[in-house]
Amino acid sequence: MVEFQLRRRGIRDEAVLAAMSAVPRELFVPPELSELAYADEALPIEEGQTISQPWIVARMSELLEVRQGMPVLEVGTGSGYQTAVLAAMGCRVVSVERHAALAEVARARLAGLGLEASVRIEVGDGSRGWPADAPFEGIIVTAAAPSVPGALRDQLSDGGRLVIPVGRRDRQDLVQVVRSDSEFRTRDHGPCVFVPLVGAEAFPEGGGRPRSWRNRLRS
């Protein structure tokens, strides 16, 4: 996976590559899909959510420009795989998941890997961020919003980076936002498809889901 799907397709951050070599992806997919754990595609998990394609996990992690000890907010814990990759890179992660059942399973998986000291998983509306622990040097959103939530921008520290899919429910662009004082510089990193972020500053409950659960960057 690392050599053929990531390194050969342009992922250069060695910390990202090392973390994705170390984290056993098969622990984060449903047992009946374990044979596809390292395939170049997203896979469905419980509650109508997904575990992202390995490439998208690597690219989003790379766009954060992670350093050791960096405080990161993750919006959408899901299976806990992206959370584990960030923790393996040395981040201190607060992850917010709206589905309590997913949060509980993710906590157990991360504890089983000895990563619980680096991660705290909260249940709530991730579109509002997590003000109690703000500001964050990095914010990563693993579901699509119609626009960049103001609450997340406000919780970025000066020089911090926010990575988020933005667009319609059926098609988005992967966006990186960099804060400089009170200004925000936005860069588009290509089309993708994610499940919708549901919350007060995102999509309302209902309205369907993308026709495909293959949340991937289209290269």
N, C-alpha and C. Protein backbone atom coordinates (compact mmCIF):
# COMPACT_ATOMS: atom_id res chain seq x y z
N MET A 1 0.82 -1.20 0.00
CA MET A 1 0.00 0.00 0.00
C MET A 1 0.86 1.26 0.00
N VAL A 2 1.82 1.31 0.93
CA VAL A 2 2.64 2.51 1.06
C VAL A 2 3.48 2.74 -0.19
N GLU A 3 4.10 1.69 -0.70
CA GLU A 3 4.99 1.85 -1.85
C GLU A 3 4.23 2.14 -3.14
N PHE A 4 3.14 1.40 -3.39
CA PHE A 4 2.48 1.49 -4.69
C PHE A 4 1.37 2.53 -4.73
N GLN A 5 0.61 2.69 -3.65
CA GLN A 5 -0.51 3.62 -3.66
C GLN A 5 -0.13 5.01 -3.20
N LEU A 6 0.87 5.10 -2.33
CA LEU A 6 1.20 6.39 -1.71
C LEU A 6 2.49 6.99 -2.26
N ARG A 7 3.62 6.31 -2.02
CA ARG A 7 4.90 6.89 -2.44
C ARG A 7 4.95 7.10 -3.96
N ARG A 8 4.52 6.12 -4.73
CA ARG A 8 4.59 6.24 -6.19
C ARG A 8 3.58 7.22 -6.75
N ARG A 9 2.60 7.61 -5.94
CA ARG A 9 1.61 8.59 -6.40
C ARG A 9 1.84 9.96 -5.79
N GLY A 10 3.04 10.17 -5.25
CA GLY A 10 3.42 11.53 -4.90
C GLY A 10 3.42 11.90 -3.44
N ILE A 11 3.07 11.00 -2.54
CA ILE A 11 3.14 11.32 -1.12
C ILE A 11 4.62 11.34 -0.72
N ARG A 12 5.09 12.47 -0.19
CA ARG A 12 6.51 12.64 0.09
C ARG A 12 6.83 12.76 1.58
N ASP A 13 5.85 13.06 2.39
CA ASP A 13 6.10 13.25 3.82
C ASP A 13 6.44 11.91 4.46
N GLU A 14 7.68 11.76 4.91
CA GLU A 14 8.12 10.48 5.45
C GLU A 14 7.41 10.13 6.75
N ALA A 15 6.99 11.14 7.52
CA ALA A 15 6.25 10.86 8.76
C ALA A 15 4.89 10.25 8.45
N VAL A 16 4.24 10.72 7.39
CA VAL A 16 2.97 10.14 6.95
C VAL A 16 3.18 8.70 6.51
N LEU A 17 4.17 8.48 5.68
CA LEU A 17 4.43 7.14 5.16
C LEU A 17 4.78 6.17 6.28
N ALA A 18 5.58 6.63 7.25
CA ALA A 18 5.94 5.75 8.37
C ALA A 18 4.73 5.40 9.22
N ALA A 19 3.87 6.39 9.49
CA ALA A 19 2.67 6.14 10.30
C ALA A 19 1.75 5.16 9.61
N MET A 20 1.59 5.31 8.28
CA MET A 20 0.68 4.42 7.57
C MET A 20 1.28 3.03 7.38
N SER A 21 2.60 2.92 7.48
CA SER A 21 3.23 1.60 7.51
C SER A 21 2.99 0.92 8.86
N ALA A 22 2.92 1.73 9.92
CA ALA A 22 2.85 1.18 11.27
C ALA A 22 1.44 0.84 11.72
N VAL A 23 0.44 1.57 11.25
CA VAL A 23 -0.94 1.37 11.73
C VAL A 23 -1.60 0.25 10.93
N PRO A 24 -2.04 -0.82 11.59
CA PRO A 24 -2.66 -1.96 10.88
C PRO A 24 -4.08 -1.63 10.43
N ARG A 25 -4.25 -1.31 9.18
CA ARG A 25 -5.54 -0.86 8.65
C ARG A 25 -6.62 -1.92 8.80
N GLU A 26 -6.24 -3.19 8.78
CA GLU A 26 -7.25 -4.26 8.87
C GLU A 26 -8.02 -4.23 10.18
N LEU A 27 -7.48 -3.59 11.22
CA LEU A 27 -8.19 -3.50 12.49
C LEU A 27 -9.33 -2.49 12.46
N PHE A 28 -9.39 -1.69 11.40
CA PHE A 28 -10.34 -0.58 11.34
C PHE A 28 -11.45 -0.80 10.31
N VAL A 29 -11.48 -1.96 9.66
CA VAL A 29 -12.53 -2.24 8.69
C VAL A 29 -13.42 -3.35 9.23
N PRO A 30 -14.65 -3.45 8.75
CA PRO A 30 -15.51 -4.56 9.18
C PRO A 30 -14.86 -5.90 8.87
N PRO A 31 -15.01 -6.91 9.73
CA PRO A 31 -14.35 -8.20 9.52
C PRO A 31 -14.62 -8.81 8.16
N GLU A 32 -15.82 -8.64 7.64
CA GLU A 32 -16.15 -9.26 6.35
C GLU A 32 -15.44 -8.57 5.18
N LEU A 33 -14.82 -7.40 5.44
CA LEU A 33 -14.10 -6.68 4.39
C LEU A 33 -12.60 -6.65 4.64
N SER A 34 -12.13 -7.49 5.56
CA SER A 34 -10.71 -7.44 5.94
C SER A 34 -9.78 -7.71 4.76
N GLU A 35 -10.21 -8.52 3.79
CA GLU A 35 -9.36 -8.79 2.64
C GLU A 35 -9.16 -7.56 1.76
N LEU A 36 -10.02 -6.55 1.94
CA LEU A 36 -9.91 -5.31 1.16
C LEU A 36 -9.26 -4.18 1.96
N ALA A 37 -8.73 -4.49 3.13
CA ALA A 37 -8.23 -3.44 4.03
C ALA A 37 -7.18 -2.56 3.36
N TYR A 38 -6.35 -3.13 2.49
CA TYR A 38 -5.26 -2.36 1.88
C TYR A 38 -5.53 -2.04 0.41
N ALA A 39 -6.77 -2.19 -0.01
CA ALA A 39 -7.14 -1.84 -1.37
C ALA A 39 -7.16 -0.33 -1.54
N ASP A 40 -7.02 0.11 -2.78
CA ASP A 40 -6.97 1.54 -3.10
C ASP A 40 -8.39 2.10 -3.23
N GLU A 41 -9.15 1.99 -2.15
CA GLU A 41 -10.53 2.46 -2.16
C GLU A 41 -11.03 2.67 -0.74
N ALA A 42 -12.07 3.48 -0.61
CA ALA A 42 -12.76 3.61 0.66
C ALA A 42 -13.64 2.40 0.88
N LEU A 43 -13.98 2.15 2.14
CA LEU A 43 -14.84 1.01 2.47
C LEU A 43 -15.94 1.46 3.43
N PRO A 44 -17.13 0.87 3.33
CA PRO A 44 -18.21 1.24 4.24
C PRO A 44 -17.97 0.70 5.64
N ILE A 45 -18.38 1.48 6.65
CA ILE A 45 -18.38 1.03 8.03
C ILE A 45 -19.78 1.25 8.60
N GLU A 46 -19.93 1.09 9.89
CA GLU A 46 -21.24 1.23 10.53
C GLU A 46 -21.76 2.67 10.44
N GLU A 47 -23.06 2.82 10.68
CA GLU A 47 -23.75 4.12 10.73
C GLU A 47 -23.71 4.86 9.39
N GLY A 48 -23.55 4.11 8.29
CA GLY A 48 -23.55 4.74 6.97
C GLY A 48 -22.32 5.58 6.67
N GLN A 49 -21.23 5.35 7.41
CA GLN A 49 -20.01 6.13 7.22
C GLN A 49 -18.98 5.31 6.45
N THR A 50 -17.77 5.84 6.30
CA THR A 50 -16.72 5.17 5.54
C THR A 50 -15.39 5.25 6.25
N ILE A 51 -14.49 4.33 5.90
CA ILE A 51 -13.07 4.49 6.17
C ILE A 51 -12.46 4.93 4.85
N SER A 52 -11.75 6.02 4.87
CA SER A 52 -11.30 6.65 3.63
C SER A 52 -10.26 5.82 2.89
N GLN A 53 -10.20 6.04 1.59
CA GLN A 53 -9.17 5.49 0.73
C GLN A 53 -7.80 5.83 1.32
N PRO A 54 -6.84 4.90 1.33
CA PRO A 54 -5.52 5.20 1.89
C PRO A 54 -4.89 6.47 1.33
N TRP A 55 -5.01 6.68 0.03
CA TRP A 55 -4.43 7.89 -0.57
C TRP A 55 -4.98 9.16 0.07
N ILE A 56 -6.30 9.20 0.29
CA ILE A 56 -6.89 10.42 0.83
C ILE A 56 -6.46 10.65 2.27
N VAL A 57 -6.31 9.56 3.04
CA VAL A 57 -5.81 9.69 4.41
C VAL A 57 -4.40 10.27 4.39
N ALA A 58 -3.55 9.74 3.52
CA ALA A 58 -2.19 10.22 3.42
C ALA A 58 -2.13 11.67 2.96
N ARG A 59 -2.91 12.01 1.94
CA ARG A 59 -2.86 13.37 1.39
C ARG A 59 -3.37 14.39 2.40
N MET A 60 -4.46 14.08 3.08
CA MET A 60 -4.98 15.02 4.07
C MET A 60 -4.00 15.18 5.23
N SER A 61 -3.37 14.08 5.64
CA SER A 61 -2.38 14.16 6.71
C SER A 61 -1.18 14.99 6.28
N GLU A 62 -0.76 14.82 5.04
CA GLU A 62 0.37 15.58 4.51
C GLU A 62 0.07 17.06 4.46
N LEU A 63 -1.15 17.42 4.07
CA LEU A 63 -1.53 18.84 3.97
C LEU A 63 -1.58 19.53 5.32
N LEU A 64 -1.67 18.76 6.40
CA LEU A 64 -1.63 19.37 7.74
C LEU A 64 -0.24 19.84 8.12
N GLU A 65 0.80 19.28 7.48
CA GLU A 65 2.20 19.60 7.81
C GLU A 65 2.45 19.39 9.30
N VAL A 66 2.29 18.14 9.71
CA VAL A 66 2.33 17.75 11.12
C VAL A 66 3.73 17.86 11.70
N ARG A 67 3.79 18.20 12.99
CA ARG A 67 5.03 18.12 13.76
C ARG A 67 4.73 17.41 15.07
N GLN A 68 5.77 16.91 15.73
CA GLN A 68 5.61 16.21 17.01
C GLN A 68 4.95 17.11 18.04
N GLY A 69 3.96 16.55 18.75
CA GLY A 69 3.28 17.28 19.81
C GLY A 69 2.24 18.27 19.34
N MET A 70 1.98 18.31 18.06
CA MET A 70 1.04 19.28 17.49
C MET A 70 -0.39 18.98 17.93
N PRO A 71 -1.12 19.98 18.46
CA PRO A 71 -2.52 19.76 18.82
C PRO A 71 -3.41 19.80 17.58
N VAL A 72 -4.16 18.72 17.36
CA VAL A 72 -4.99 18.57 16.17
C VAL A 72 -6.42 18.25 16.57
N LEU A 73 -7.36 18.89 15.89
CA LEU A 73 -8.78 18.54 16.01
C LEU A 73 -9.16 17.73 14.79
N GLU A 74 -9.74 16.56 15.03
CA GLU A 74 -10.31 15.76 13.95
C GLU A 74 -11.82 15.81 14.07
N VAL A 75 -12.49 16.14 12.99
CA VAL A 75 -13.94 16.15 12.96
C VAL A 75 -14.40 14.93 12.18
N GLY A 76 -15.02 13.98 12.89
CA GLY A 76 -15.48 12.73 12.27
C GLY A 76 -14.51 11.60 12.55
N THR A 77 -14.62 10.99 13.72
CA THR A 77 -13.71 9.90 14.11
C THR A 77 -13.91 8.68 13.23
N GLY A 78 -15.16 8.34 12.95
CA GLY A 78 -15.45 7.17 12.13
C GLY A 78 -14.85 5.91 12.74
N SER A 79 -14.09 5.18 11.94
CA SER A 79 -13.47 3.94 12.41
C SER A 79 -12.32 4.18 13.37
N GLY A 80 -11.76 5.39 13.33
CA GLY A 80 -10.59 5.72 14.14
C GLY A 80 -9.28 5.59 13.38
N TYR A 81 -9.32 5.24 12.09
CA TYR A 81 -8.07 5.02 11.33
C TYR A 81 -7.29 6.31 11.14
N GLN A 82 -7.94 7.36 10.66
CA GLN A 82 -7.24 8.64 10.50
C GLN A 82 -6.72 9.13 11.85
N THR A 83 -7.50 8.92 12.90
CA THR A 83 -7.08 9.29 14.25
C THR A 83 -5.79 8.58 14.62
N ALA A 84 -5.73 7.27 14.35
CA ALA A 84 -4.55 6.48 14.68
C ALA A 84 -3.33 6.94 13.90
N VAL A 85 -3.51 7.29 12.62
CA VAL A 85 -2.40 7.77 11.81
C VAL A 85 -1.84 9.07 12.39
N LEU A 86 -2.72 9.98 12.77
CA LEU A 86 -2.27 11.25 13.36
C LEU A 86 -1.54 11.01 14.68
N ALA A 87 -2.07 10.12 15.51
CA ALA A 87 -1.43 9.82 16.78
C ALA A 87 -0.07 9.17 16.56
N ALA A 88 0.04 8.30 15.56
CA ALA A 88 1.31 7.65 15.25
C ALA A 88 2.34 8.65 14.74
N MET A 89 1.87 9.78 14.22
CA MET A 89 2.76 10.84 13.76
C MET A 89 3.18 11.77 14.90
N GLY A 90 2.67 11.51 16.09
CA GLY A 90 3.06 12.31 17.25
C GLY A 90 2.13 13.44 17.60
N CYS A 91 0.95 13.49 16.98
CA CYS A 91 -0.02 14.55 17.28
C CYS A 91 -0.74 14.26 18.59
N ARG A 92 -1.23 15.33 19.22
CA ARG A 92 -2.15 15.22 20.34
C ARG A 92 -3.54 15.52 19.76
N VAL A 93 -4.38 14.50 19.69
CA VAL A 93 -5.61 14.58 18.90
C VAL A 93 -6.85 14.64 19.79
N VAL A 94 -7.71 15.62 19.52
CA VAL A 94 -9.08 15.62 20.01
C VAL A 94 -9.95 15.29 18.81
N SER A 95 -10.71 14.21 18.88
CA SER A 95 -11.54 13.78 17.76
C SER A 95 -13.00 13.82 18.17
N VAL A 96 -13.83 14.42 17.33
CA VAL A 96 -15.25 14.58 17.64
C VAL A 96 -16.08 13.74 16.67
N GLU A 97 -16.93 12.88 17.22
CA GLU A 97 -17.77 11.99 16.45
C GLU A 97 -19.21 12.13 16.90
N ARG A 98 -20.15 12.26 15.98
CA ARG A 98 -21.54 12.45 16.39
C ARG A 98 -22.25 11.15 16.73
N HIS A 99 -21.71 10.01 16.26
CA HIS A 99 -22.30 8.70 16.56
C HIS A 99 -21.60 8.09 17.76
N ALA A 100 -22.31 7.97 18.88
CA ALA A 100 -21.69 7.45 20.10
C ALA A 100 -21.16 6.04 19.92
N ALA A 101 -21.86 5.22 19.14
CA ALA A 101 -21.42 3.83 18.94
C ALA A 101 -20.08 3.78 18.21
N LEU A 102 -19.90 4.62 17.19
CA LEU A 102 -18.62 4.67 16.49
C LEU A 102 -17.51 5.14 17.41
N ALA A 103 -17.82 6.15 18.23
CA ALA A 103 -16.81 6.68 19.16
C ALA A 103 -16.34 5.60 20.13
N GLU A 104 -17.27 4.82 20.63
CA GLU A 104 -16.92 3.78 21.60
C GLU A 104 -16.01 2.72 20.98
N VAL A 105 -16.34 2.28 19.77
CA VAL A 105 -15.52 1.27 19.11
C VAL A 105 -14.14 1.83 18.78
N ALA A 106 -14.09 3.07 18.31
CA ALA A 106 -12.80 3.69 17.98
C ALA A 106 -11.91 3.81 19.21
N ARG A 107 -12.48 4.18 20.36
CA ARG A 107 -11.69 4.26 21.59
C ARG A 107 -11.04 2.91 21.90
N ALA A 108 -11.81 1.84 21.77
CA ALA A 108 -11.29 0.51 22.07
C ALA A 108 -10.16 0.14 21.10
N ARG A 109 -10.32 0.45 19.82
CA ARG A 109 -9.28 0.13 18.84
C ARG A 109 -7.98 0.88 19.15
N LEU A 110 -8.11 2.16 19.46
CA LEU A 110 -6.93 2.97 19.73
C LEU A 110 -6.24 2.53 21.01
N ALA A 111 -7.02 2.15 22.01
CA ALA A 111 -6.44 1.64 23.25
C ALA A 111 -5.69 0.34 22.99
N GLY A 112 -6.24 -0.51 22.12
CA GLY A 112 -5.59 -1.76 21.79
C GLY A 112 -4.25 -1.57 21.11
N LEU A 113 -4.06 -0.41 20.46
CA LEU A 113 -2.79 -0.09 19.81
C LEU A 113 -1.87 0.74 20.71
N GLY A 114 -2.33 1.00 21.95
CA GLY A 114 -1.52 1.78 22.88
C GLY A 114 -1.46 3.26 22.56
N LEU A 115 -2.47 3.79 21.85
CA LEU A 115 -2.48 5.19 21.43
C LEU A 115 -3.41 6.07 22.26
N GLU A 116 -4.01 5.48 23.31
CA GLU A 116 -5.03 6.23 24.04
C GLU A 116 -4.49 7.46 24.74
N ALA A 117 -3.20 7.49 25.08
CA ALA A 117 -2.63 8.65 25.77
C ALA A 117 -2.54 9.87 24.85
N SER A 118 -2.54 9.63 23.54
CA SER A 118 -2.39 10.72 22.57
C SER A 118 -3.71 11.20 22.01
N VAL A 119 -4.81 10.51 22.35
CA VAL A 119 -6.10 10.77 21.70
C VAL A 119 -7.21 10.89 22.74
N ARG A 120 -8.10 11.84 22.51
CA ARG A 120 -9.35 11.89 23.28
C ARG A 120 -10.50 11.99 22.29
N ILE A 121 -11.45 11.08 22.40
CA ILE A 121 -12.60 11.07 21.50
C ILE A 121 -13.82 11.58 22.24
N GLU A 122 -14.46 12.60 21.67
CA GLU A 122 -15.65 13.21 22.24
C GLU A 122 -16.84 12.96 21.32
N VAL A 123 -18.03 12.93 21.88
CA VAL A 123 -19.26 12.80 21.09
C VAL A 123 -19.93 14.16 21.02
N GLY A 124 -20.21 14.63 19.81
CA GLY A 124 -20.83 15.93 19.67
C GLY A 124 -20.94 16.35 18.22
N ASP A 125 -21.30 17.61 18.02
CA ASP A 125 -21.45 18.19 16.69
C ASP A 125 -20.10 18.75 16.25
N GLY A 126 -19.40 18.00 15.43
CA GLY A 126 -18.06 18.41 15.02
C GLY A 126 -18.03 19.65 14.16
N SER A 127 -19.15 20.01 13.53
CA SER A 127 -19.15 21.23 12.72
C SER A 127 -18.94 22.47 13.57
N ARG A 128 -19.15 22.35 14.88
CA ARG A 128 -18.90 23.45 15.81
C ARG A 128 -17.48 23.40 16.38
N GLY A 129 -16.72 22.39 15.98
CA GLY A 129 -15.38 22.23 16.51
C GLY A 129 -15.40 21.73 17.94
N TRP A 130 -14.37 22.10 18.69
CA TRP A 130 -14.30 21.75 20.10
C TRP A 130 -13.65 22.91 20.85
N PRO A 131 -14.45 23.96 21.17
CA PRO A 131 -13.91 25.21 21.72
C PRO A 131 -13.11 25.03 23.01
N ALA A 132 -13.46 24.03 23.81
CA ALA A 132 -12.80 23.86 25.11
C ALA A 132 -11.30 23.64 24.97
N ASP A 133 -10.85 23.06 23.85
CA ASP A 133 -9.43 22.79 23.66
C ASP A 133 -8.78 23.65 22.58
N ALA A 134 -9.53 24.59 22.02
CA ALA A 134 -8.99 25.47 20.98
C ALA A 134 -8.00 26.46 21.61
N PRO A 135 -7.06 26.99 20.80
CA PRO A 135 -6.92 26.79 19.36
C PRO A 135 -6.13 25.53 19.02
N PHE A 136 -6.27 25.10 17.76
CA PHE A 136 -5.58 23.93 17.25
C PHE A 136 -4.64 24.35 16.12
N GLU A 137 -3.48 23.71 16.07
CA GLU A 137 -2.55 23.99 14.97
C GLU A 137 -2.98 23.28 13.69
N GLY A 138 -3.76 22.23 13.83
CA GLY A 138 -4.29 21.54 12.67
C GLY A 138 -5.71 21.09 12.92
N ILE A 139 -6.55 21.18 11.90
CA ILE A 139 -7.92 20.67 11.96
C ILE A 139 -8.14 19.86 10.69
N ILE A 140 -8.60 18.62 10.84
CA ILE A 140 -8.86 17.75 9.70
C ILE A 140 -10.30 17.28 9.78
N VAL A 141 -11.03 17.42 8.69
CA VAL A 141 -12.46 17.09 8.65
C VAL A 141 -12.65 15.94 7.67
N THR A 142 -13.18 14.83 8.16
CA THR A 142 -13.28 13.61 7.35
C THR A 142 -14.67 13.41 6.76
N ALA A 143 -15.42 14.49 6.63
CA ALA A 143 -16.73 14.47 5.96
C ALA A 143 -16.90 15.81 5.27
N ALA A 144 -17.81 15.87 4.30
CA ALA A 144 -17.91 17.04 3.44
C ALA A 144 -18.89 18.08 3.99
N ALA A 145 -18.48 19.34 3.92
CA ALA A 145 -19.35 20.45 4.32
C ALA A 145 -19.69 21.31 3.11
N PRO A 146 -20.83 22.01 3.13
CA PRO A 146 -21.18 22.87 1.99
C PRO A 146 -20.27 24.09 1.88
N SER A 147 -19.67 24.48 3.00
CA SER A 147 -18.68 25.57 3.04
C SER A 147 -17.82 25.34 4.28
N VAL A 148 -16.74 26.10 4.40
CA VAL A 148 -15.88 25.93 5.56
C VAL A 148 -16.59 26.49 6.79
N PRO A 149 -16.88 25.68 7.80
CA PRO A 149 -17.58 26.19 8.99
C PRO A 149 -16.77 27.28 9.68
N GLY A 150 -17.44 28.39 9.99
CA GLY A 150 -16.78 29.51 10.65
C GLY A 150 -16.19 29.12 12.00
N ALA A 151 -16.87 28.23 12.71
CA ALA A 151 -16.37 27.81 14.03
C ALA A 151 -15.02 27.12 13.90
N LEU A 152 -14.82 26.34 12.84
CA LEU A 152 -13.54 25.66 12.66
C LEU A 152 -12.45 26.65 12.29
N ARG A 153 -12.74 27.59 11.44
CA ARG A 153 -11.74 28.61 11.10
C ARG A 153 -11.32 29.38 12.35
N ASP A 154 -12.31 29.73 13.17
CA ASP A 154 -12.02 30.52 14.37
C ASP A 154 -11.16 29.75 15.37
N GLN A 155 -11.22 28.41 15.32
CA GLN A 155 -10.47 27.60 16.28
C GLN A 155 -9.08 27.22 15.79
N LEU A 156 -8.67 27.74 14.62
CA LEU A 156 -7.31 27.56 14.15
C LEU A 156 -6.39 28.55 14.84
N SER A 157 -5.20 28.09 15.23
CA SER A 157 -4.19 29.01 15.75
C SER A 157 -3.55 29.77 14.59
N ASP A 158 -2.84 30.83 14.87
CA ASP A 158 -2.13 31.58 13.85
C ASP A 158 -1.10 30.67 13.19
N GLY A 159 -1.15 30.57 11.88
CA GLY A 159 -0.27 29.66 11.16
C GLY A 159 -0.83 28.25 11.03
N GLY A 160 -1.98 27.99 11.64
CA GLY A 160 -2.59 26.66 11.61
C GLY A 160 -3.19 26.32 10.26
N ARG A 161 -3.43 25.02 10.06
CA ARG A 161 -3.97 24.52 8.79
C ARG A 161 -5.23 23.71 9.02
N LEU A 162 -6.21 23.94 8.16
CA LEU A 162 -7.48 23.22 8.17
C LEU A 162 -7.61 22.52 6.83
N VAL A 163 -7.90 21.21 6.85
CA VAL A 163 -8.09 20.43 5.63
C VAL A 163 -9.49 19.86 5.66
N ILE A 164 -10.28 20.14 4.61
CA ILE A 164 -11.69 19.79 4.61
C ILE A 164 -12.23 19.63 3.19
N PRO A 165 -13.10 18.63 2.93
CA PRO A 165 -13.80 18.56 1.65
C PRO A 165 -14.98 19.54 1.66
N VAL A 166 -15.09 20.36 0.62
CA VAL A 166 -16.14 21.38 0.56
C VAL A 166 -16.87 21.28 -0.77
N GLY A 167 -18.22 21.31 -0.70
CA GLY A 167 -19.01 21.30 -1.92
C GLY A 167 -20.38 20.71 -1.71
N ARG A 168 -20.97 20.19 -2.79
CA ARG A 168 -22.28 19.57 -2.73
C ARG A 168 -22.18 18.21 -2.05
N ARG A 169 -23.35 17.63 -1.77
CA ARG A 169 -23.36 16.30 -1.16
C ARG A 169 -22.73 15.24 -2.06
N ASP A 170 -22.83 15.41 -3.38
CA ASP A 170 -22.37 14.37 -4.30
C ASP A 170 -21.01 14.65 -4.91
N ARG A 171 -20.42 15.81 -4.63
CA ARG A 171 -19.11 16.13 -5.19
C ARG A 171 -18.52 17.31 -4.44
N GLN A 172 -17.24 17.19 -4.09
CA GLN A 172 -16.58 18.26 -3.36
C GLN A 172 -15.16 18.49 -3.90
N ASP A 173 -14.51 19.50 -3.35
CA ASP A 173 -13.10 19.75 -3.58
C ASP A 173 -12.38 19.68 -2.24
N LEU A 174 -11.19 19.11 -2.24
CA LEU A 174 -10.39 19.04 -1.04
C LEU A 174 -9.68 20.38 -0.86
N VAL A 175 -9.98 21.04 0.25
CA VAL A 175 -9.54 22.41 0.47
C VAL A 175 -8.60 22.48 1.68
N GLN A 176 -7.53 23.25 1.53
CA GLN A 176 -6.63 23.55 2.64
C GLN A 176 -6.76 25.04 2.96
N VAL A 177 -7.00 25.33 4.23
CA VAL A 177 -7.11 26.72 4.70
C VAL A 177 -5.95 26.97 5.66
N VAL A 178 -5.19 28.04 5.42
CA VAL A 178 -4.07 28.42 6.29
C VAL A 178 -4.38 29.77 6.91
N ARG A 179 -4.27 29.84 8.24
CA ARG A 179 -4.58 31.10 8.93
C ARG A 179 -3.31 31.93 9.13
N SER A 180 -3.43 33.22 8.87
CA SER A 180 -2.37 34.18 9.15
C SER A 180 -3.01 35.38 9.82
N ASP A 181 -2.83 35.48 11.14
CA ASP A 181 -3.54 36.49 11.94
C ASP A 181 -5.05 36.32 11.72
N SER A 182 -5.70 37.33 11.19
CA SER A 182 -7.15 37.24 10.98
C SER A 182 -7.50 36.93 9.53
N GLU A 183 -6.50 36.60 8.72
CA GLU A 183 -6.74 36.29 7.32
C GLU A 183 -6.61 34.78 7.09
N PHE A 184 -7.34 34.31 6.08
CA PHE A 184 -7.37 32.88 5.78
C PHE A 184 -7.08 32.68 4.29
N ARG A 185 -6.03 31.94 4.00
CA ARG A 185 -5.65 31.65 2.61
C ARG A 185 -6.15 30.25 2.26
N THR A 186 -6.88 30.13 1.17
CA THR A 186 -7.51 28.88 0.77
C THR A 186 -6.89 28.36 -0.52
N ARG A 187 -6.62 27.05 -0.54
CA ARG A 187 -6.08 26.41 -1.74
C ARG A 187 -6.85 25.14 -2.02
N ASP A 188 -7.19 24.96 -3.29
CA ASP A 188 -7.94 23.79 -3.75
C ASP A 188 -6.97 22.68 -4.16
N HIS A 189 -7.21 21.45 -3.65
CA HIS A 189 -6.34 20.32 -3.97
C HIS A 189 -7.05 19.21 -4.73
N GLY A 190 -8.12 19.56 -5.44
CA GLY A 190 -8.72 18.59 -6.35
C GLY A 190 -10.04 18.02 -5.89
N PRO A 191 -10.81 17.47 -6.85
CA PRO A 191 -12.15 16.94 -6.56
C PRO A 191 -12.11 15.65 -5.77
N CYS A 192 -13.14 15.43 -4.98
CA CYS A 192 -13.25 14.23 -4.14
C CYS A 192 -14.72 14.01 -3.81
N VAL A 193 -15.03 12.88 -3.20
CA VAL A 193 -16.39 12.60 -2.75
C VAL A 193 -16.33 11.98 -1.36
N PHE A 194 -16.98 12.63 -0.39
CA PHE A 194 -17.05 12.16 0.99
C PHE A 194 -18.51 12.07 1.42
N VAL A 195 -18.77 11.31 2.47
CA VAL A 195 -20.08 11.37 3.09
C VAL A 195 -20.26 12.75 3.69
N PRO A 196 -21.50 13.23 3.85
CA PRO A 196 -21.73 14.59 4.33
C PRO A 196 -21.46 14.77 5.82
N LEU A 197 -20.93 15.93 6.17
CA LEU A 197 -20.82 16.36 7.56
C LEU A 197 -22.18 16.90 7.98
N VAL A 198 -22.74 16.34 9.02
CA VAL A 198 -24.05 16.76 9.50
C VAL A 198 -23.88 17.57 10.77
N GLY A 199 -24.50 18.76 10.82
CA GLY A 199 -24.39 19.57 12.03
C GLY A 199 -24.89 20.97 11.82
N ALA A 200 -24.79 21.77 12.84
CA ALA A 200 -25.32 23.13 12.82
C ALA A 200 -24.64 24.00 11.76
N GLU A 201 -23.35 23.75 11.49
CA GLU A 201 -22.62 24.54 10.49
C GLU A 201 -22.25 23.70 9.27
N ALA A 202 -23.08 22.70 9.00
CA ALA A 202 -22.82 21.82 7.85
C ALA A 202 -24.16 21.45 7.21
N PHE A 203 -24.31 20.21 6.76
CA PHE A 203 -25.56 19.77 6.15
C PHE A 203 -26.57 19.40 7.24
N PRO A 204 -27.86 19.60 6.96
CA PRO A 204 -28.88 19.14 7.90
C PRO A 204 -29.02 17.63 7.87
N GLU A 205 -29.61 17.09 8.90
CA GLU A 205 -29.87 15.64 8.96
C GLU A 205 -30.75 15.24 7.78
N GLY A 206 -30.50 14.05 7.22
CA GLY A 206 -31.30 13.57 6.08
C GLY A 206 -30.74 14.10 4.78
N GLY A 207 -31.51 13.91 3.72
CA GLY A 207 -31.09 14.40 2.42
C GLY A 207 -30.28 13.43 1.61
N GLY A 208 -30.15 12.21 2.11
CA GLY A 208 -29.44 11.19 1.33
C GLY A 208 -27.95 11.27 1.52
N ARG A 209 -27.25 10.42 0.79
CA ARG A 209 -25.80 10.32 0.86
C ARG A 209 -25.27 10.21 -0.55
N PRO A 210 -23.99 10.39 -0.77
CA PRO A 210 -23.46 10.25 -2.13
C PRO A 210 -23.79 8.88 -2.72
N ARG A 211 -23.99 8.84 -4.01
CA ARG A 211 -24.33 7.57 -4.66
C ARG A 211 -23.21 6.55 -4.50
N SER A 212 -21.98 7.01 -4.36
CA SER A 212 -20.86 6.12 -4.12
C SER A 212 -20.24 6.43 -2.78
N TRP A 213 -19.82 5.37 -2.04
CA TRP A 213 -19.13 5.60 -0.78
C TRP A 213 -17.62 5.63 -0.99
N ARG A 214 -17.16 5.67 -2.24
CA ARG A 214 -15.75 5.68 -2.52
C ARG A 214 -15.21 7.11 -2.38
N ASN A 215 -15.00 7.55 -1.14
CA ASN A 215 -14.50 8.92 -0.93
C ASN A 215 -13.03 8.96 -1.29
N ARG A 216 -12.75 9.47 -2.46
CA ARG A 216 -11.39 9.42 -2.97
C ARG A 216 -11.08 10.70 -3.74
N LEU A 217 -9.80 11.03 -3.74
CA LEU A 217 -9.35 12.15 -4.55
C LEU A 217 -9.24 11.66 -5.98
N ARG A 218 -9.83 12.36 -6.91
CA ARG A 218 -9.81 11.93 -8.31
C ARG A 218 -8.59 12.52 -8.99
N SER A 219 -7.65 11.67 -9.31
CA SER A 219 -6.42 12.14 -9.94
C SER A 219 -6.38 11.80 -11.42
